[in-house]
Amino acid sequence: MTDKDSGERKVIEGPDERYIVLCGTCGARTRAYRTKGAETRAWVRGDIIKGEKQ
């Protein structure tokens, strides 16, 4: 699991703005949420999608 302090909030712009938390080290991320703060709560509870840094 990624270090919870390494996440950074990102905004996915579009007709429906969405928010995610993305780990700059390993590429793990949360799913996209419509409400700001929901992605942070998901990150803290460990609800992440494993990723690979490319």
PDB file of N, CA and C in Angstrom:
ATOM      1  N   MET A   1       0.830  -1.177   0.000  1.00  0.00           N
ATOM      2  CA  MET A   1       0.000   0.000   0.000  1.00  0.00           C
ATOM      3  C   MET A   1       0.877   1.243   0.000  1.00  0.00           C
ATOM      4  N   THR A   2       0.398   2.250  -0.625  1.00  0.00           N
ATOM      5  CA  THR A   2       1.132   3.494  -0.741  1.00  0.00           C
ATOM      6  C   THR A   2       1.147   4.262   0.573  1.00  0.00           C
ATOM      7  N   ASP A   3       2.110   5.145   0.735  1.00  0.00           N
ATOM      8  CA  ASP A   3       2.179   6.012   1.905  1.00  0.00           C
ATOM      9  C   ASP A   3       1.074   7.055   1.814  1.00  0.00           C
ATOM     10  N   LYS A   4       0.241   7.143   2.825  1.00  0.00           N
ATOM     11  CA  LYS A   4      -0.919   8.041   2.771  1.00  0.00           C
ATOM     12  C   LYS A   4      -0.534   9.507   2.687  1.00  0.00           C
ATOM     13  N   ASP A   5       0.695   9.849   3.044  1.00  0.00           N
ATOM     14  CA  ASP A   5       1.138  11.242   2.963  1.00  0.00           C
ATOM     15  C   ASP A   5       1.613  11.624   1.567  1.00  0.00           C
ATOM     16  N   SER A   6       1.704  10.663   0.658  1.00  0.00           N
ATOM     17  CA  SER A   6       2.253  10.952  -0.666  1.00  0.00           C
ATOM     18  C   SER A   6       1.184  11.290  -1.702  1.00  0.00           C
ATOM     19  N   GLY A   7      -0.082  11.326  -1.301  1.00  0.00           N
ATOM     20  CA  GLY A   7      -1.164  11.597  -2.247  1.00  0.00           C
ATOM     21  C   GLY A   7      -1.342  13.077  -2.521  1.00  0.00           C
ATOM     22  N   GLU A   8      -1.768  13.380  -3.733  1.00  0.00           N
ATOM     23  CA  GLU A   8      -2.025  14.755  -4.136  1.00  0.00           C
ATOM     24  C   GLU A   8      -3.386  14.822  -4.825  1.00  0.00           C
ATOM     25  N   ARG A   9      -4.199  15.789  -4.441  1.00  0.00           N
ATOM     26  CA  ARG A   9      -5.521  15.947  -5.052  1.00  0.00           C
ATOM     27  C   ARG A   9      -5.362  16.484  -6.471  1.00  0.00           C
ATOM     28  N   LYS A  10      -6.085  15.867  -7.378  1.00  0.00           N
ATOM     29  CA  LYS A  10      -6.119  16.291  -8.774  1.00  0.00           C
ATOM     30  C   LYS A  10      -7.567  16.535  -9.178  1.00  0.00           C
ATOM     31  N   VAL A  11      -7.765  17.485 -10.071  1.00  0.00           N
ATOM     32  CA  VAL A  11      -9.095  17.793 -10.585  1.00  0.00           C
ATOM     33  C   VAL A  11      -9.177  17.297 -12.020  1.00  0.00           C
ATOM     34  N   ILE A  12     -10.199  16.516 -12.311  1.00  0.00           N
ATOM     35  CA  ILE A  12     -10.459  16.070 -13.678  1.00  0.00           C
ATOM     36  C   ILE A  12     -11.518  17.019 -14.226  1.00  0.00           C
ATOM     37  N   GLU A  13     -11.093  17.871 -15.113  1.00  0.00           N
ATOM     38  CA  GLU A  13     -12.009  18.877 -15.648  1.00  0.00           C
ATOM     39  C   GLU A  13     -12.864  18.300 -16.752  1.00  0.00           C
ATOM     40  N   GLY A  14     -14.046  18.831 -16.877  1.00  0.00           N
ATOM     41  CA  GLY A  14     -14.994  18.397 -17.886  1.00  0.00           C
ATOM     42  C   GLY A  14     -16.366  18.901 -17.512  1.00  0.00           C
ATOM     43  N   PRO A  15     -17.389  18.418 -18.193  1.00  0.00           N
ATOM     44  CA  PRO A  15     -18.749  18.857 -17.875  1.00  0.00           C
ATOM     45  C   PRO A  15     -19.115  18.597 -16.408  1.00  0.00           C
ATOM     46  N   ASP A  16     -18.662  17.462 -15.883  1.00  0.00           N
ATOM     47  CA  ASP A  16     -18.843  17.131 -14.469  1.00  0.00           C
ATOM     48  C   ASP A  16     -17.459  17.062 -13.844  1.00  0.00           C
ATOM     49  N   GLU A  17     -17.067  18.123 -13.145  1.00  0.00           N
ATOM     50  CA  GLU A  17     -15.755  18.155 -12.512  1.00  0.00           C
ATOM     51  C   GLU A  17     -15.664  17.040 -11.478  1.00  0.00           C
ATOM     52  N   ARG A  18     -14.555  16.301 -11.498  1.00  0.00           N
ATOM     53  CA  ARG A  18     -14.343  15.183 -10.572  1.00  0.00           C
ATOM     54  C   ARG A  18     -13.011  15.369  -9.860  1.00  0.00           C
ATOM     55  N   TYR A  19     -12.881  14.732  -8.703  1.00  0.00           N
ATOM     56  CA  TYR A  19     -11.675  14.830  -7.898  1.00  0.00           C
ATOM     57  C   TYR A  19     -11.120  13.442  -7.615  1.00  0.00           C
ATOM     58  N   ILE A  20      -9.790  13.331  -7.640  1.00  0.00           N
ATOM     59  CA  ILE A  20      -9.111  12.101  -7.259  1.00  0.00           C
ATOM     60  C   ILE A  20      -7.915  12.473  -6.388  1.00  0.00           C
ATOM     61  N   VAL A  21      -7.391  11.487  -5.678  1.00  0.00           N
ATOM     62  CA  VAL A  21      -6.091  11.623  -5.024  1.00  0.00           C
ATOM     63  C   VAL A  21      -5.179  10.646  -5.742  1.00  0.00           C
ATOM     64  N   LEU A  22      -4.013  11.137  -6.149  1.00  0.00           N
ATOM     65  CA  LEU A  22      -3.051  10.354  -6.923  1.00  0.00           C
ATOM     66  C   LEU A  22      -1.711  10.327  -6.202  1.00  0.00           C
ATOM     67  N   CYS A  23      -1.122   9.145  -6.103  1.00  0.00           N
ATOM     68  CA  CYS A  23       0.208   9.002  -5.513  1.00  0.00           C
ATOM     69  C   CYS A  23       1.241   9.263  -6.592  1.00  0.00           C
ATOM     70  N   GLY A  24       2.089  10.247  -6.371  1.00  0.00           N
ATOM     71  CA  GLY A  24       3.132  10.572  -7.331  1.00  0.00           C
ATOM     72  C   GLY A  24       4.247   9.546  -7.366  1.00  0.00           C
ATOM     73  N   THR A  25       4.347   8.707  -6.361  1.00  0.00           N
ATOM     74  CA  THR A  25       5.402   7.709  -6.288  1.00  0.00           C
ATOM     75  C   THR A  25       5.049   6.421  -7.018  1.00  0.00           C
ATOM     76  N   CYS A  26       3.867   5.853  -6.685  1.00  0.00           N
ATOM     77  CA  CYS A  26       3.530   4.539  -7.243  1.00  0.00           C
ATOM     78  C   CYS A  26       2.365   4.570  -8.228  1.00  0.00           C
ATOM     79  N   GLY A  27       1.660   5.697  -8.335  1.00  0.00           N
ATOM     80  CA  GLY A  27       0.556   5.795  -9.283  1.00  0.00           C
ATOM     81  C   GLY A  27      -0.785   5.316  -8.761  1.00  0.00           C
ATOM     82  N   ALA A  28      -0.835   4.876  -7.488  1.00  0.00           N
ATOM     83  CA  ALA A  28      -2.118   4.479  -6.916  1.00  0.00           C
ATOM     84  C   ALA A  28      -3.032   5.701  -6.860  1.00  0.00           C
ATOM     85  N   ARG A  29      -4.348   5.464  -6.944  1.00  0.00           N
ATOM     86  CA  ARG A  29      -5.277   6.591  -6.925  1.00  0.00           C
ATOM     87  C   ARG A  29      -6.626   6.153  -6.378  1.00  0.00           C
ATOM     88  N   THR A  30      -7.437   7.136  -6.057  1.00  0.00           N
ATOM     89  CA  THR A  30      -8.810   6.848  -5.679  1.00  0.00           C
ATOM     90  C   THR A  30      -9.641   6.865  -6.953  1.00  0.00           C
ATOM     91  N   ARG A  31     -10.887   6.415  -6.839  1.00  0.00           N
ATOM     92  CA  ARG A  31     -11.783   6.591  -7.978  1.00  0.00           C
ATOM     93  C   ARG A  31     -12.169   8.061  -8.021  1.00  0.00           C
ATOM     94  N   ALA A  32     -12.801   8.501  -9.073  1.00  0.00           N
ATOM     95  CA  ALA A  32     -13.197   9.899  -9.229  1.00  0.00           C
ATOM     96  C   ALA A  32     -14.484  10.176  -8.460  1.00  0.00           C
ATOM     97  N   TYR A  33     -14.480  11.251  -7.705  1.00  0.00           N
ATOM     98  CA  TYR A  33     -15.642  11.658  -6.911  1.00  0.00           C
ATOM     99  C   TYR A  33     -16.116  13.032  -7.358  1.00  0.00           C
ATOM    100  N   ARG A  34     -17.420  13.258  -7.249  1.00  0.00           N
ATOM    101  CA  ARG A  34     -18.005  14.549  -7.634  1.00  0.00           C
ATOM    102  C   ARG A  34     -17.841  15.604  -6.561  1.00  0.00           C
ATOM    103  N   THR A  35     -17.777  15.194  -5.300  1.00  0.00           N
ATOM    104  CA  THR A  35     -17.684  16.160  -4.215  1.00  0.00           C
ATOM    105  C   THR A  35     -16.266  16.251  -3.680  1.00  0.00           C
ATOM    106  N   LYS A  36     -15.799  17.475  -3.543  1.00  0.00           N
ATOM    107  CA  LYS A  36     -14.462  17.708  -3.016  1.00  0.00           C
ATOM    108  C   LYS A  36     -14.422  17.240  -1.568  1.00  0.00           C
ATOM    109  N   GLY A  37     -13.444  16.466  -1.217  1.00  0.00           N
ATOM    110  CA  GLY A  37     -13.302  15.915   0.126  1.00  0.00           C
ATOM    111  C   GLY A  37     -13.600  14.429   0.185  1.00  0.00           C
ATOM    112  N   ALA A  38     -14.493  13.963  -0.679  1.00  0.00           N
ATOM    113  CA  ALA A  38     -14.816  12.530  -0.697  1.00  0.00           C
ATOM    114  C   ALA A  38     -13.596  11.715  -1.110  1.00  0.00           C
ATOM    115  N   GLU A  39     -12.807  12.245  -2.031  1.00  0.00           N
ATOM    116  CA  GLU A  39     -11.610  11.525  -2.478  1.00  0.00           C
ATOM    117  C   GLU A  39     -10.570  11.446  -1.371  1.00  0.00           C
ATOM    118  N   THR A  40     -10.474  12.489  -0.559  1.00  0.00           N
ATOM    119  CA  THR A  40      -9.528  12.486   0.552  1.00  0.00           C
ATOM    120  C   THR A  40      -9.944  11.458   1.600  1.00  0.00           C
ATOM    121  N   ARG A  41     -11.227  11.401   1.907  1.00  0.00           N
ATOM    122  CA  ARG A  41     -11.714  10.406   2.867  1.00  0.00           C
ATOM    123  C   ARG A  41     -11.456   8.987   2.357  1.00  0.00           C
ATOM    124  N   ALA A  42     -11.642   8.756   1.062  1.00  0.00           N
ATOM    125  CA  ALA A  42     -11.370   7.439   0.469  1.00  0.00           C
ATOM    126  C   ALA A  42      -9.887   7.097   0.596  1.00  0.00           C
ATOM    127  N   TRP A  43      -9.027   8.064   0.360  1.00  0.00           N
ATOM    128  CA  TRP A  43      -7.570   7.866   0.442  1.00  0.00           C
ATOM    129  C   TRP A  43      -7.181   7.470   1.865  1.00  0.00           C
ATOM    130  N   VAL A  44      -7.712   8.164   2.835  1.00  0.00           N
ATOM    131  CA  VAL A  44      -7.379   7.909   4.233  1.00  0.00           C
ATOM    132  C   VAL A  44      -7.844   6.523   4.664  1.00  0.00           C
ATOM    133  N   ARG A  45      -9.004   6.093   4.210  1.00  0.00           N
ATOM    134  CA  ARG A  45      -9.496   4.765   4.602  1.00  0.00           C
ATOM    135  C   ARG A  45      -8.877   3.637   3.765  1.00  0.00           C
ATOM    136  N   GLY A  46      -8.054   3.973   2.770  1.00  0.00           N
ATOM    137  CA  GLY A  46      -7.354   2.961   1.989  1.00  0.00           C
ATOM    138  C   GLY A  46      -8.136   2.433   0.799  1.00  0.00           C
ATOM    139  N   ASP A  47      -9.156   3.149   0.391  1.00  0.00           N
ATOM    140  CA  ASP A  47      -9.985   2.754  -0.762  1.00  0.00           C
ATOM    141  C   ASP A  47      -9.325   3.258  -2.036  1.00  0.00           C
ATOM    142  N   ILE A  48      -8.292   2.540  -2.478  1.00  0.00           N
ATOM    143  CA  ILE A  48      -7.494   2.994  -3.622  1.00  0.00           C
ATOM    144  C   ILE A  48      -7.442   1.946  -4.722  1.00  0.00           C
ATOM    145  N   ILE A  49      -7.107   2.411  -5.909  1.00  0.00           N
ATOM    146  CA  ILE A  49      -6.895   1.543  -7.071  1.00  0.00           C
ATOM    147  C   ILE A  49      -5.374   1.467  -7.251  1.00  0.00           C
ATOM    148  N   LYS A  50      -4.872   0.262  -7.263  1.00  0.00           N
ATOM    149  CA  LYS A  50      -3.422   0.087  -7.436  1.00  0.00           C
ATOM    150  C   LYS A  50      -3.004   0.614  -8.797  1.00  0.00           C
ATOM    151  N   GLY A  51      -1.875   1.242  -8.841  1.00  0.00           N
ATOM    152  CA  GLY A  51      -1.385   1.795 -10.100  1.00  0.00           C
ATOM    153  C   GLY A  51       0.071   1.485 -10.304  1.00  0.00           C
ATOM    154  N   GLU A  52       0.518   1.799 -11.476  1.00  0.00           N
ATOM    155  CA  GLU A  52       1.934   1.646 -11.792  1.00  0.00           C
ATOM    156  C   GLU A  52       2.449   2.960 -12.324  1.00  0.00           C
ATOM    157  N   LYS A  53       3.500   3.444 -11.722  1.00  0.00           N
ATOM    158  CA  LYS A  53       4.131   4.679 -12.171  1.00  0.00           C
ATOM    159  C   LYS A  53       4.815   4.397 -13.491  1.00  0.00           C
ATOM    160  N   GLN A  54       4.524   5.214 -14.494  1.00  0.00           N
ATOM    161  CA  GLN A  54       5.127   4.994 -15.817  1.00  0.00           C
ATOM    162  C   GLN A  54       6.130   6.034 -16.143  1.00  0.00           C
TER     163      GLN A  54
END
